[in-house]
Amino acid sequence: MPSVTFAPALTRHVPCPPQDVQAASVRDALEAAFAAAPALKGYVLDEQGGVRKHVAVFVNGDMLGRATALDRGLERGDRVMVIQALTGG
């Protein structure tokens, strides 16, 4: 079963402990996590249902591209981590 964890920068707005979820893709894993914390969805996904510009999604420590992150397949034991990406200069 994959696990989903949200970084403290996100969970300070909406509490959501790490979760083990039944999911075949990152999209499925996030939807399962949002069921426990619905308000978190607006911090992670934009109005079109894509990953927000300032959010990064990792699977097993590898950062996924925003355009394809949600479609990434998951296997038993995979770890999904969602963080706020830092930008600026």
Protein backbone atom coordinates (compact mmCIF):
# COMPACT_ATOMS: atom_id res chain seq x y z
CA MET A 1 0.00 0.00 0.00
CA PRO A 2 1.52 3.40 -0.92
CA SER A 3 1.93 6.06 1.75
CA VAL A 4 1.20 9.78 1.37
CA THR A 5 2.84 12.50 3.44
CA PHE A 6 2.37 16.26 3.21
CA ALA A 7 5.16 18.60 4.32
CA PRO A 8 4.65 20.76 7.43
CA ALA A 9 4.36 23.89 5.26
CA LEU A 10 1.06 22.42 3.99
CA THR A 11 -0.18 20.66 7.12
CA ARG A 12 0.12 23.83 9.18
CA HIS A 13 -2.87 25.08 7.16
CA VAL A 14 -4.82 21.81 7.17
CA PRO A 15 -3.79 19.01 9.52
CA CYS A 16 -3.30 15.75 7.64
CA PRO A 17 -1.17 12.98 9.15
CA PRO A 18 0.73 10.55 6.92
CA GLN A 19 -1.58 7.92 5.46
CA ASP A 20 -1.36 4.50 3.86
CA VAL A 21 -3.80 4.43 0.93
CA GLN A 22 -5.10 2.03 -1.69
CA ALA A 23 -3.99 3.68 -4.93
CA ALA A 24 -2.74 2.74 -8.37
CA SER A 25 -1.52 6.26 -9.24
CA VAL A 26 -0.42 9.47 -7.57
CA ARG A 27 -3.81 10.98 -8.48
CA ASP A 28 -5.60 8.14 -6.67
CA ALA A 29 -3.29 8.44 -3.66
CA LEU A 30 -3.90 12.18 -3.34
CA GLU A 31 -7.66 11.80 -3.73
CA ALA A 32 -7.64 9.20 -0.95
CA ALA A 33 -5.63 11.56 1.27
CA PHE A 34 -7.95 14.47 0.48
CA ALA A 35 -10.87 12.38 1.71
CA ALA A 36 -9.35 12.70 5.19
CA ALA A 37 -8.54 16.42 4.78
CA PRO A 38 -10.70 17.92 1.99
CA ALA A 39 -9.46 21.49 2.46
CA LEU A 40 -5.91 20.39 1.62
CA LYS A 41 -6.91 19.75 -1.99
CA GLY A 42 -7.04 23.49 -2.75
CA TYR A 43 -3.47 23.93 -1.53
CA VAL A 44 -2.15 21.11 -3.73
CA LEU A 45 -4.26 21.14 -6.91
CA ASP A 46 -5.28 24.09 -9.07
CA GLU A 47 -8.75 24.80 -10.44
CA GLN A 48 -8.14 22.49 -13.41
CA GLY A 49 -7.13 19.61 -11.15
CA GLY A 50 -3.40 19.83 -11.90
CA VAL A 51 -0.54 20.19 -9.44
CA ARG A 52 -0.18 23.84 -8.40
CA LYS A 53 2.83 25.77 -9.66
CA HIS A 54 4.44 26.05 -6.22
CA VAL A 55 3.91 22.43 -5.17
CA ALA A 56 6.32 19.56 -5.78
CA VAL A 57 5.42 15.87 -5.69
CA PHE A 58 8.00 13.18 -4.98
CA VAL A 59 7.74 9.40 -5.22
CA ASN A 60 10.42 7.48 -3.34
CA GLY A 61 12.53 10.64 -3.21
CA ASP A 62 12.35 11.42 -6.94
CA MET A 63 10.71 14.70 -7.91
CA LEU A 64 8.04 14.29 -10.57
CA GLY A 65 7.30 16.77 -13.34
CA ARG A 66 4.11 18.75 -12.66
CA ALA A 67 2.56 17.84 -16.02
CA THR A 68 2.83 14.08 -15.48
CA ALA A 69 2.97 13.71 -11.68
CA LEU A 70 -0.66 12.73 -11.17
CA ASP A 71 -0.51 9.96 -13.78
CA ARG A 72 2.56 8.29 -12.26
CA GLY A 73 1.74 4.71 -11.33
CA LEU A 74 2.32 3.48 -7.80
CA GLU A 75 3.24 0.12 -6.37
CA ARG A 76 2.99 -1.36 -2.92
CA GLY A 77 5.41 0.38 -0.57
CA ASP A 78 5.88 3.53 -2.67
CA ARG A 79 6.17 6.77 -0.69
CA VAL A 80 4.48 9.92 -2.02
CA MET A 81 5.63 13.22 -0.48
CA VAL A 82 3.98 16.56 -1.31
CA ILE A 83 5.83 19.78 -0.46
CA GLN A 84 5.56 23.46 -1.21
CA ALA A 85 8.23 24.30 -3.77
CA LEU A 86 10.41 27.33 -3.12
CA THR A 87 10.78 29.92 -5.84
CA GLY A 88 12.27 33.33 -6.09
CA GLY A 89 15.60 34.86 -6.73
